[in-house]
Amino acid sequence: MKYNVGPVDRLLRIIVGLLIAIAGVIFDSWWGLIGIVPLATGLFKFCPLYIPFKISTLKKDN
């Protein structure tokens, strides 16, 4: 699996994922499970939705 999520993107995904999950716990809602998606893509440094659009937030090596 080739990484396609850069460091800033990764950090934002982890933070947003945690916030959504915590909000789900606080408000006792199953919607908090949606937080797993950005959290997982941030932790694994891979976003499957980036593939069809050929997007990568990693810096290119010279």
PDB file of N, CA and C in Angstrom:
ATOM      1  N   MET A   1       0.857  -1.168   0.000  1.00  0.00           N
ATOM      2  CA  MET A   1       0.000   0.000   0.000  1.00  0.00           C
ATOM      3  C   MET A   1       0.907   1.236   0.000  1.00  0.00           C
ATOM      4  N   LYS A   2       0.695   2.103  -0.969  1.00  0.00           N
ATOM      5  CA  LYS A   2       1.484   3.323  -1.099  1.00  0.00           C
ATOM      6  C   LYS A   2       0.806   4.441  -0.295  1.00  0.00           C
ATOM      7  N   TYR A   3       1.593   5.145   0.499  1.00  0.00           N
ATOM      8  CA  TYR A   3       1.054   6.242   1.295  1.00  0.00           C
ATOM      9  C   TYR A   3       0.666   7.402   0.389  1.00  0.00           C
ATOM     10  N   ASN A   4      -0.439   8.097   0.731  1.00  0.00           N
ATOM     11  CA  ASN A   4      -0.837   9.268  -0.045  1.00  0.00           C
ATOM     12  C   ASN A   4      -1.364  10.397   0.837  1.00  0.00           C
ATOM     13  N   VAL A   5      -1.142  10.296   2.150  1.00  0.00           N
ATOM     14  CA  VAL A   5      -1.582  11.329   3.084  1.00  0.00           C
ATOM     15  C   VAL A   5      -0.345  11.926   3.739  1.00  0.00           C
ATOM     16  N   GLY A   6      -0.159  13.228   3.537  1.00  0.00           N
ATOM     17  CA  GLY A   6       1.002  13.932   4.075  1.00  0.00           C
ATOM     18  C   GLY A   6       0.856  14.247   5.549  1.00  0.00           C
ATOM     19  N   PRO A   7       1.901  14.815   6.151  1.00  0.00           N
ATOM     20  CA  PRO A   7       1.910  15.044   7.595  1.00  0.00           C
ATOM     21  C   PRO A   7       0.850  16.024   8.105  1.00  0.00           C
ATOM     22  N   VAL A   8       0.633  17.118   7.399  1.00  0.00           N
ATOM     23  CA  VAL A   8      -0.377  18.088   7.850  1.00  0.00           C
ATOM     24  C   VAL A   8      -1.775  17.491   7.684  1.00  0.00           C
ATOM     25  N   ASP A   9      -2.022  16.881   6.543  1.00  0.00           N
ATOM     26  CA  ASP A   9      -3.296  16.216   6.274  1.00  0.00           C
ATOM     27  C   ASP A   9      -3.548  15.130   7.316  1.00  0.00           C
ATOM     28  N   ARG A  10      -2.498  14.387   7.633  1.00  0.00           N
ATOM     29  CA  ARG A  10      -2.609  13.296   8.604  1.00  0.00           C
ATOM     30  C   ARG A  10      -2.999  13.829   9.986  1.00  0.00           C
ATOM     31  N   LEU A  11      -2.322  14.884  10.428  1.00  0.00           N
ATOM     32  CA  LEU A  11      -2.603  15.466  11.731  1.00  0.00           C
ATOM     33  C   LEU A  11      -4.041  15.980  11.807  1.00  0.00           C
ATOM     34  N   LEU A  12      -4.485  16.662  10.763  1.00  0.00           N
ATOM     35  CA  LEU A  12      -5.859  17.179  10.737  1.00  0.00           C
ATOM     36  C   LEU A  12      -6.887  16.048  10.768  1.00  0.00           C
ATOM     37  N   ARG A  13      -6.620  14.972  10.033  1.00  0.00           N
ATOM     38  CA  ARG A  13      -7.536  13.832  10.014  1.00  0.00           C
ATOM     39  C   ARG A  13      -7.646  13.184  11.390  1.00  0.00           C
ATOM     40  N   ILE A  14      -6.512  13.034  12.069  1.00  0.00           N
ATOM     41  CA  ILE A  14      -6.519  12.412  13.395  1.00  0.00           C
ATOM     42  C   ILE A  14      -7.282  13.284  14.383  1.00  0.00           C
ATOM     43  N   ILE A  15      -7.025  14.588  14.359  1.00  0.00           N
ATOM     44  CA  ILE A  15      -7.714  15.503  15.275  1.00  0.00           C
ATOM     45  C   ILE A  15      -9.213  15.518  15.011  1.00  0.00           C
ATOM     46  N   VAL A  16      -9.608  15.654  13.745  1.00  0.00           N
ATOM     47  CA  VAL A  16     -11.031  15.691  13.397  1.00  0.00           C
ATOM     48  C   VAL A  16     -11.709  14.363  13.751  1.00  0.00           C
ATOM     49  N   GLY A  17     -11.043  13.256  13.467  1.00  0.00           N
ATOM     50  CA  GLY A  17     -11.603  11.954  13.795  1.00  0.00           C
ATOM     51  C   GLY A  17     -11.838  11.788  15.286  1.00  0.00           C
ATOM     52  N   LEU A  18     -10.863  12.216  16.087  1.00  0.00           N
ATOM     53  CA  LEU A  18     -11.017  12.133  17.540  1.00  0.00           C
ATOM     54  C   LEU A  18     -12.141  13.043  18.036  1.00  0.00           C
ATOM     55  N   LEU A  19     -12.218  14.255  17.482  1.00  0.00           N
ATOM     56  CA  LEU A  19     -13.279  15.184  17.898  1.00  0.00           C
ATOM     57  C   LEU A  19     -14.671  14.635  17.576  1.00  0.00           C
ATOM     58  N   ILE A  20     -14.821  14.054  16.398  1.00  0.00           N
ATOM     59  CA  ILE A  20     -16.115  13.488  16.016  1.00  0.00           C
ATOM     60  C   ILE A  20     -16.464  12.306  16.925  1.00  0.00           C
ATOM     61  N   ALA A  21     -15.491  11.448  17.199  1.00  0.00           N
ATOM     62  CA  ALA A  21     -15.729  10.295  18.058  1.00  0.00           C
ATOM     63  C   ALA A  21     -16.078  10.732  19.481  1.00  0.00           C
ATOM     64  N   ILE A  22     -15.371  11.713  19.994  1.00  0.00           N
ATOM     65  CA  ILE A  22     -15.651  12.215  21.342  1.00  0.00           C
ATOM     66  C   ILE A  22     -17.031  12.859  21.404  1.00  0.00           C
ATOM     67  N   ALA A  23     -17.389  13.625  20.363  1.00  0.00           N
ATOM     68  CA  ALA A  23     -18.728  14.235  20.317  1.00  0.00           C
ATOM     69  C   ALA A  23     -19.803  13.151  20.296  1.00  0.00           C
ATOM     70  N   GLY A  24     -19.549  12.046  19.599  1.00  0.00           N
ATOM     71  CA  GLY A  24     -20.500  10.944  19.580  1.00  0.00           C
ATOM     72  C   GLY A  24     -20.699  10.340  20.952  1.00  0.00           C
ATOM     73  N   VAL A  25     -19.619  10.242  21.727  1.00  0.00           N
ATOM     74  CA  VAL A  25     -19.719   9.707  23.087  1.00  0.00           C
ATOM     75  C   VAL A  25     -20.445  10.699  23.991  1.00  0.00           C
ATOM     76  N   ILE A  26     -20.079  11.970  23.903  1.00  0.00           N
ATOM     77  CA  ILE A  26     -20.698  12.993  24.751  1.00  0.00           C
ATOM     78  C   ILE A  26     -22.200  13.092  24.499  1.00  0.00           C
ATOM     79  N   PHE A  27     -22.604  13.085  23.220  1.00  0.00           N
ATOM     80  CA  PHE A  27     -24.012  13.232  22.888  1.00  0.00           C
ATOM     81  C   PHE A  27     -24.732  11.899  22.765  1.00  0.00           C
ATOM     82  N   ASP A  28     -24.043  10.810  23.133  1.00  0.00           N
ATOM     83  CA  ASP A  28     -24.632   9.470  23.118  1.00  0.00           C
ATOM     84  C   ASP A  28     -25.281   9.172  21.768  1.00  0.00           C
ATOM     85  N   SER A  29     -24.472   9.336  20.702  1.00  0.00           N
ATOM     86  CA  SER A  29     -24.968   9.162  19.351  1.00  0.00           C
ATOM     87  C   SER A  29     -24.075   8.199  18.571  1.00  0.00           C
ATOM     88  N   TRP A  30     -24.710   7.404  17.723  1.00  0.00           N
ATOM     89  CA  TRP A  30     -23.973   6.491  16.859  1.00  0.00           C
ATOM     90  C   TRP A  30     -23.230   7.238  15.760  1.00  0.00           C
ATOM     91  N   TRP A  31     -23.557   8.496  15.542  1.00  0.00           N
ATOM     92  CA  TRP A  31     -22.880   9.293  14.525  1.00  0.00           C
ATOM     93  C   TRP A  31     -21.399   9.450  14.844  1.00  0.00           C
ATOM     94  N   GLY A  32     -21.026   9.255  16.079  1.00  0.00           N
ATOM     95  CA  GLY A  32     -19.627   9.334  16.473  1.00  0.00           C
ATOM     96  C   GLY A  32     -18.762   8.291  15.792  1.00  0.00           C
ATOM     97  N   LEU A  33     -19.383   7.218  15.323  1.00  0.00           N
ATOM     98  CA  LEU A  33     -18.635   6.172  14.625  1.00  0.00           C
ATOM     99  C   LEU A  33     -18.050   6.674  13.307  1.00  0.00           C
ATOM    100  N   ILE A  34     -18.616   7.735  12.760  1.00  0.00           N
ATOM    101  CA  ILE A  34     -18.082   8.319  11.522  1.00  0.00           C
ATOM    102  C   ILE A  34     -16.659   8.823  11.754  1.00  0.00           C
ATOM    103  N   GLY A  35     -16.339   9.155  12.987  1.00  0.00           N
ATOM    104  CA  GLY A  35     -14.997   9.620  13.320  1.00  0.00           C
ATOM    105  C   GLY A  35     -13.923   8.570  13.074  1.00  0.00           C
ATOM    106  N   ILE A  36     -14.321   7.305  12.964  1.00  0.00           N
ATOM    107  CA  ILE A  36     -13.359   6.238  12.706  1.00  0.00           C
ATOM    108  C   ILE A  36     -12.719   6.398  11.329  1.00  0.00           C
ATOM    109  N   VAL A  37     -13.463   6.896  10.361  1.00  0.00           N
ATOM    110  CA  VAL A  37     -12.947   7.011   8.986  1.00  0.00           C
ATOM    111  C   VAL A  37     -11.764   7.982   8.909  1.00  0.00           C
ATOM    112  N   PRO A  38     -11.904   9.250   9.325  1.00  0.00           N
ATOM    113  CA  PRO A  38     -10.736  10.130   9.244  1.00  0.00           C
ATOM    114  C   PRO A  38      -9.610   9.691  10.184  1.00  0.00           C
ATOM    115  N   LEU A  39      -9.970   9.118  11.321  1.00  0.00           N
ATOM    116  CA  LEU A  39      -8.952   8.638  12.254  1.00  0.00           C
ATOM    117  C   LEU A  39      -8.132   7.512  11.629  1.00  0.00           C
ATOM    118  N   ALA A  40      -8.793   6.560  11.014  1.00  0.00           N
ATOM    119  CA  ALA A  40      -8.095   5.426  10.391  1.00  0.00           C
ATOM    120  C   ALA A  40      -7.245   5.880   9.204  1.00  0.00           C
ATOM    121  N   THR A  41      -7.786   6.763   8.362  1.00  0.00           N
ATOM    122  CA  THR A  41      -7.008   7.216   7.204  1.00  0.00           C
ATOM    123  C   THR A  41      -5.796   8.030   7.658  1.00  0.00           C
ATOM    124  N   GLY A  42      -5.919   8.736   8.767  1.00  0.00           N
ATOM    125  CA  GLY A  42      -4.772   9.467   9.307  1.00  0.00           C
ATOM    126  C   GLY A  42      -3.730   8.534   9.902  1.00  0.00           C
ATOM    127  N   LEU A  43      -4.174   7.522  10.623  1.00  0.00           N
ATOM    128  CA  LEU A  43      -3.238   6.591  11.244  1.00  0.00           C
ATOM    129  C   LEU A  43      -2.525   5.710  10.225  1.00  0.00           C
ATOM    130  N   PHE A  44      -3.237   5.298   9.180  1.00  0.00           N
ATOM    131  CA  PHE A  44      -2.640   4.433   8.168  1.00  0.00           C
ATOM    132  C   PHE A  44      -1.951   5.206   7.039  1.00  0.00           C
ATOM    133  N   LYS A  45      -2.072   6.533   7.040  1.00  0.00           N
ATOM    134  CA  LYS A  45      -1.471   7.413   6.017  1.00  0.00           C
ATOM    135  C   LYS A  45      -1.926   7.050   4.605  1.00  0.00           C
ATOM    136  N   PHE A  46      -3.138   6.564   4.490  1.00  0.00           N
ATOM    137  CA  PHE A  46      -3.659   6.133   3.191  1.00  0.00           C
ATOM    138  C   PHE A  46      -5.138   6.464   3.109  1.00  0.00           C
ATOM    139  N   CYS A  47      -5.527   7.141   2.022  1.00  0.00           N
ATOM    140  CA  CYS A  47      -6.927   7.463   1.785  1.00  0.00           C
ATOM    141  C   CYS A  47      -7.352   6.858   0.452  1.00  0.00           C
ATOM    142  N   PRO A  48      -8.268   5.875   0.471  1.00  0.00           N
ATOM    143  CA  PRO A  48      -8.683   5.240  -0.773  1.00  0.00           C
ATOM    144  C   PRO A  48      -9.402   6.190  -1.740  1.00  0.00           C
ATOM    145  N   LEU A  49     -10.013   7.246  -1.235  1.00  0.00           N
ATOM    146  CA  LEU A  49     -10.697   8.194  -2.113  1.00  0.00           C
ATOM    147  C   LEU A  49      -9.718   9.051  -2.917  1.00  0.00           C
ATOM    148  N   TYR A  50      -8.476   9.111  -2.504  1.00  0.00           N
ATOM    149  CA  TYR A  50      -7.477   9.869  -3.242  1.00  0.00           C
ATOM    150  C   TYR A  50      -7.047   9.144  -4.520  1.00  0.00           C
ATOM    151  N   ILE A  51      -7.176   7.833  -4.567  1.00  0.00           N
ATOM    152  CA  ILE A  51      -6.683   7.047  -5.703  1.00  0.00           C
ATOM    153  C   ILE A  51      -7.353   7.417  -7.026  1.00  0.00           C
ATOM    154  N   PRO A  52      -8.697   7.424  -7.140  1.00  0.00           N
ATOM    155  CA  PRO A  52      -9.294   7.730  -8.450  1.00  0.00           C
ATOM    156  C   PRO A  52      -8.991   9.144  -8.946  1.00  0.00           C
ATOM    157  N   PHE A  53      -8.722  10.050  -8.013  1.00  0.00           N
ATOM    158  CA  PHE A  53      -8.445  11.432  -8.396  1.00  0.00           C
ATOM    159  C   PHE A  53      -6.948  11.716  -8.493  1.00  0.00           C
ATOM    160  N   LYS A  54      -6.135  10.693  -8.252  1.00  0.00           N
ATOM    161  CA  LYS A  54      -4.671  10.803  -8.313  1.00  0.00           C
ATOM    162  C   LYS A  54      -4.155  11.949  -7.427  1.00  0.00           C
ATOM    163  N   ILE A  55      -4.671  12.017  -6.202  1.00  0.00           N
ATOM    164  CA  ILE A  55      -4.286  13.039  -5.247  1.00  0.00           C
ATOM    165  C   ILE A  55      -3.302  12.445  -4.255  1.00  0.00           C
ATOM    166  N   SER A  56      -2.305  13.226  -3.889  1.00  0.00           N
ATOM    167  CA  SER A  56      -1.385  12.861  -2.829  1.00  0.00           C
ATOM    168  C   SER A  56      -0.960  14.140  -2.135  1.00  0.00           C
ATOM    169  N   THR A  57      -1.007  14.148  -0.817  1.00  0.00           N
ATOM    170  CA  THR A  57      -0.588  15.329  -0.069  1.00  0.00           C
ATOM    171  C   THR A  57       0.833  15.182   0.450  1.00  0.00           C
ATOM    172  N   LEU A  58       1.521  14.125   0.008  1.00  0.00           N
ATOM    173  CA  LEU A  58       2.925  13.956   0.346  1.00  0.00           C
ATOM    174  C   LEU A  58       3.777  14.867  -0.525  1.00  0.00           C
ATOM    175  N   LYS A  59       4.882  15.333   0.022  1.00  0.00           N
ATOM    176  CA  LYS A  59       5.800  16.154  -0.773  1.00  0.00           C
ATOM    177  C   LYS A  59       6.511  15.272  -1.773  1.00  0.00           C
ATOM    178  N   LYS A  60       6.713  15.786  -2.958  1.00  0.00           N
ATOM    179  CA  LYS A  60       7.421  15.059  -4.008  1.00  0.00           C
ATOM    180  C   LYS A  60       8.920  15.102  -3.737  1.00  0.00           C
ATOM    181  N   ASP A  61       9.594  13.964  -3.967  1.00  0.00           N
ATOM    182  CA  ASP A  61      11.051  13.925  -3.860  1.00  0.00           C
ATOM    183  C   ASP A  61      11.662  14.432  -5.157  1.00  0.00           C
ATOM    184  N   ASN A  62      12.744  15.179  -5.032  1.00  0.00           N
ATOM    185  CA  ASN A  62      13.409  15.716  -6.230  1.00  0.00           C
ATOM    186  C   ASN A  62      14.343  14.703  -6.835  1.00  0.00           C
TER     187      ASN A  62
END
